[in-house]
Amino acid sequence: MEVKKNPQADLEQHKSTFTQIGLVVVLGFMLVAFNWTTKERSVGDLGVVVAIDLEEEMIAT
């Protein structure tokens, strides 16, 4: 039997092009990820923090 594949539907011709496009896209994402900066968020004044000592009562057994 002979192969009846349409030459226009053959993606093997474009395999290297698709690989290069994928590598360029991934490289772009990596550059953006490494250059991403975050702003330092400051926490507002929470007021006076009071430490409360809790005493636990031991049950005599």
N, C-alpha and C. Protein backbone atom coordinates (compact mmCIF):
# COMPACT_ATOMS: atom_id res chain seq x y z
N MET A 1 0.84 -1.17 0.00
CA MET A 1 0.00 0.00 0.00
C MET A 1 0.88 1.24 0.00
N GLU A 2 0.39 2.22 -0.62
CA GLU A 2 1.16 3.45 -0.66
C GLU A 2 0.55 4.47 0.31
N VAL A 3 1.41 5.32 0.83
CA VAL A 3 0.98 6.31 1.81
C VAL A 3 0.23 7.42 1.09
N LYS A 4 -0.95 7.76 1.61
CA LYS A 4 -1.77 8.80 0.98
C LYS A 4 -1.83 10.03 1.88
N LYS A 5 -0.68 10.54 2.24
CA LYS A 5 -0.65 11.69 3.13
C LYS A 5 -0.49 12.96 2.30
N ASN A 6 -1.29 13.94 2.66
CA ASN A 6 -1.22 15.22 1.97
C ASN A 6 0.06 15.94 2.41
N PRO A 7 0.88 16.39 1.49
CA PRO A 7 2.13 17.07 1.87
C PRO A 7 1.88 18.37 2.64
N GLN A 8 0.74 19.00 2.44
CA GLN A 8 0.44 20.24 3.16
C GLN A 8 0.07 19.96 4.61
N ALA A 9 -0.38 18.76 4.92
CA ALA A 9 -0.77 18.40 6.28
C ALA A 9 0.39 17.80 7.07
N ASP A 10 1.54 17.64 6.43
CA ASP A 10 2.70 17.04 7.10
C ASP A 10 3.39 18.08 7.97
N LEU A 11 3.34 17.88 9.29
CA LEU A 11 3.94 18.83 10.23
C LEU A 11 5.41 18.55 10.48
N GLU A 12 5.94 17.44 9.97
CA GLU A 12 7.35 17.13 10.16
C GLU A 12 8.24 18.16 9.48
N GLN A 13 7.74 18.83 8.47
CA GLN A 13 8.53 19.85 7.78
C GLN A 13 8.78 21.05 8.69
N HIS A 14 7.86 21.32 9.58
CA HIS A 14 7.92 22.51 10.42
C HIS A 14 8.34 22.20 11.86
N LYS A 15 8.84 21.00 12.11
CA LYS A 15 9.17 20.61 13.48
C LYS A 15 10.25 21.51 14.08
N SER A 16 11.28 21.83 13.33
CA SER A 16 12.35 22.68 13.87
C SER A 16 11.85 24.10 14.12
N THR A 17 10.96 24.59 13.27
CA THR A 17 10.40 25.93 13.46
C THR A 17 9.57 25.98 14.73
N PHE A 18 8.74 24.98 14.96
CA PHE A 18 7.92 24.93 16.17
C PHE A 18 8.79 24.83 17.42
N THR A 19 9.87 24.06 17.34
CA THR A 19 10.78 23.92 18.47
C THR A 19 11.44 25.26 18.79
N GLN A 20 11.89 25.97 17.77
CA GLN A 20 12.53 27.26 17.98
C GLN A 20 11.56 28.29 18.54
N ILE A 21 10.33 28.29 18.06
CA ILE A 21 9.32 29.21 18.58
C ILE A 21 9.05 28.90 20.06
N GLY A 22 8.95 27.62 20.40
CA GLY A 22 8.74 27.24 21.79
C GLY A 22 9.88 27.66 22.69
N LEU A 23 11.12 27.50 22.22
CA LEU A 23 12.27 27.91 23.01
C LEU A 23 12.31 29.42 23.22
N VAL A 24 11.95 30.18 22.20
CA VAL A 24 11.93 31.64 22.33
C VAL A 24 10.86 32.07 23.32
N VAL A 25 9.70 31.43 23.28
CA VAL A 25 8.61 31.78 24.21
C VAL A 25 9.02 31.46 25.64
N VAL A 26 9.61 30.29 25.86
CA VAL A 26 10.04 29.91 27.21
C VAL A 26 11.15 30.84 27.70
N LEU A 27 12.07 31.21 26.83
CA LEU A 27 13.14 32.14 27.21
C LEU A 27 12.55 33.49 27.60
N GLY A 28 11.54 33.95 26.88
CA GLY A 28 10.87 35.20 27.23
C GLY A 28 10.21 35.13 28.59
N PHE A 29 9.51 34.02 28.88
CA PHE A 29 8.89 33.84 30.19
C PHE A 29 9.93 33.82 31.30
N MET A 30 11.06 33.17 31.05
CA MET A 30 12.11 33.10 32.06
C MET A 30 12.70 34.48 32.33
N LEU A 31 12.92 35.28 31.30
CA LEU A 31 13.44 36.63 31.49
C LEU A 31 12.48 37.48 32.30
N VAL A 32 11.20 37.38 32.01
CA VAL A 32 10.20 38.14 32.76
C VAL A 32 10.16 37.66 34.21
N ALA A 33 10.26 36.35 34.43
CA ALA A 33 10.19 35.81 35.79
C ALA A 33 11.39 36.25 36.63
N PHE A 34 12.58 36.29 36.04
CA PHE A 34 13.76 36.68 36.81
C PHE A 34 13.85 38.18 37.02
N ASN A 35 13.22 38.96 36.17
CA ASN A 35 13.27 40.41 36.32
C ASN A 35 12.07 40.96 37.07
N TRP A 36 11.16 40.11 37.50
CA TRP A 36 9.95 40.52 38.20
C TRP A 36 10.34 41.04 39.59
N THR A 37 9.89 42.23 39.91
CA THR A 37 10.18 42.77 41.23
C THR A 37 8.87 42.97 41.98
N THR A 38 8.95 42.85 43.28
CA THR A 38 7.78 43.08 44.11
C THR A 38 8.04 44.28 44.99
N LYS A 39 7.00 45.01 45.28
CA LYS A 39 7.12 46.17 46.14
C LYS A 39 7.12 45.73 47.60
N GLU A 40 7.90 46.42 48.38
CA GLU A 40 7.94 46.14 49.82
C GLU A 40 6.69 46.72 50.45
N ARG A 41 5.87 45.89 51.04
CA ARG A 41 4.64 46.35 51.67
C ARG A 41 4.92 46.68 53.12
N SER A 42 4.45 47.83 53.53
CA SER A 42 4.65 48.20 54.93
C SER A 42 3.36 47.94 55.70
N VAL A 43 3.54 47.44 56.90
CA VAL A 43 2.40 47.15 57.76
C VAL A 43 2.14 48.40 58.58
N GLY A 44 0.90 48.83 58.61
CA GLY A 44 0.54 50.01 59.39
C GLY A 44 0.69 49.77 60.88
N ASP A 45 0.56 50.81 61.65
CA ASP A 45 0.69 50.72 63.10
C ASP A 45 -0.46 49.88 63.66
N LEU A 46 -0.11 48.83 64.36
CA LEU A 46 -1.13 47.95 64.92
C LEU A 46 -1.50 48.32 66.34
N GLY A 47 -0.91 49.36 66.85
CA GLY A 47 -1.21 49.77 68.22
C GLY A 47 -0.28 49.07 69.19
N VAL A 48 -0.63 49.14 70.45
CA VAL A 48 0.19 48.55 71.50
C VAL A 48 -0.14 47.06 71.60
N VAL A 49 0.88 46.25 71.58
CA VAL A 49 0.70 44.81 71.71
C VAL A 49 1.00 44.44 73.16
N VAL A 50 0.03 43.84 73.81
CA VAL A 50 0.17 43.47 75.22
C VAL A 50 0.27 41.95 75.30
N ALA A 51 1.32 41.49 75.96
CA ALA A 51 1.49 40.05 76.13
C ALA A 51 0.67 39.61 77.33
N ILE A 52 -0.19 38.65 77.15
CA ILE A 52 -1.04 38.15 78.23
C ILE A 52 -0.51 36.78 78.64
N ASP A 53 -0.13 36.67 79.91
CA ASP A 53 0.35 35.39 80.43
C ASP A 53 -0.85 34.57 80.88
N LEU A 54 -1.01 33.42 80.31
CA LEU A 54 -2.09 32.52 80.69
C LEU A 54 -1.51 31.42 81.57
N GLU A 55 -2.08 31.26 82.74
CA GLU A 55 -1.63 30.22 83.64
C GLU A 55 -2.60 29.06 83.56
N GLU A 56 -2.05 27.88 83.37
CA GLU A 56 -2.88 26.70 83.30
C GLU A 56 -2.92 26.03 84.67
N GLU A 57 -4.10 25.66 85.10
CA GLU A 57 -4.24 24.97 86.37
C GLU A 57 -4.09 23.48 86.14
N MET A 58 -3.21 22.88 86.92
CA MET A 58 -2.98 21.46 86.79
C MET A 58 -4.02 20.71 87.62
N ILE A 59 -4.59 19.69 87.09
CA ILE A 59 -5.58 18.89 87.79
C ILE A 59 -4.85 17.77 88.53
N ALA A 60 -5.07 17.69 89.83
CA ALA A 60 -4.43 16.64 90.62
C ALA A 60 -5.16 15.33 90.38
N THR A 61 -4.42 14.35 89.97
CA THR A 61 -5.04 13.04 89.73
C THR A 61 -4.51 12.00 90.67
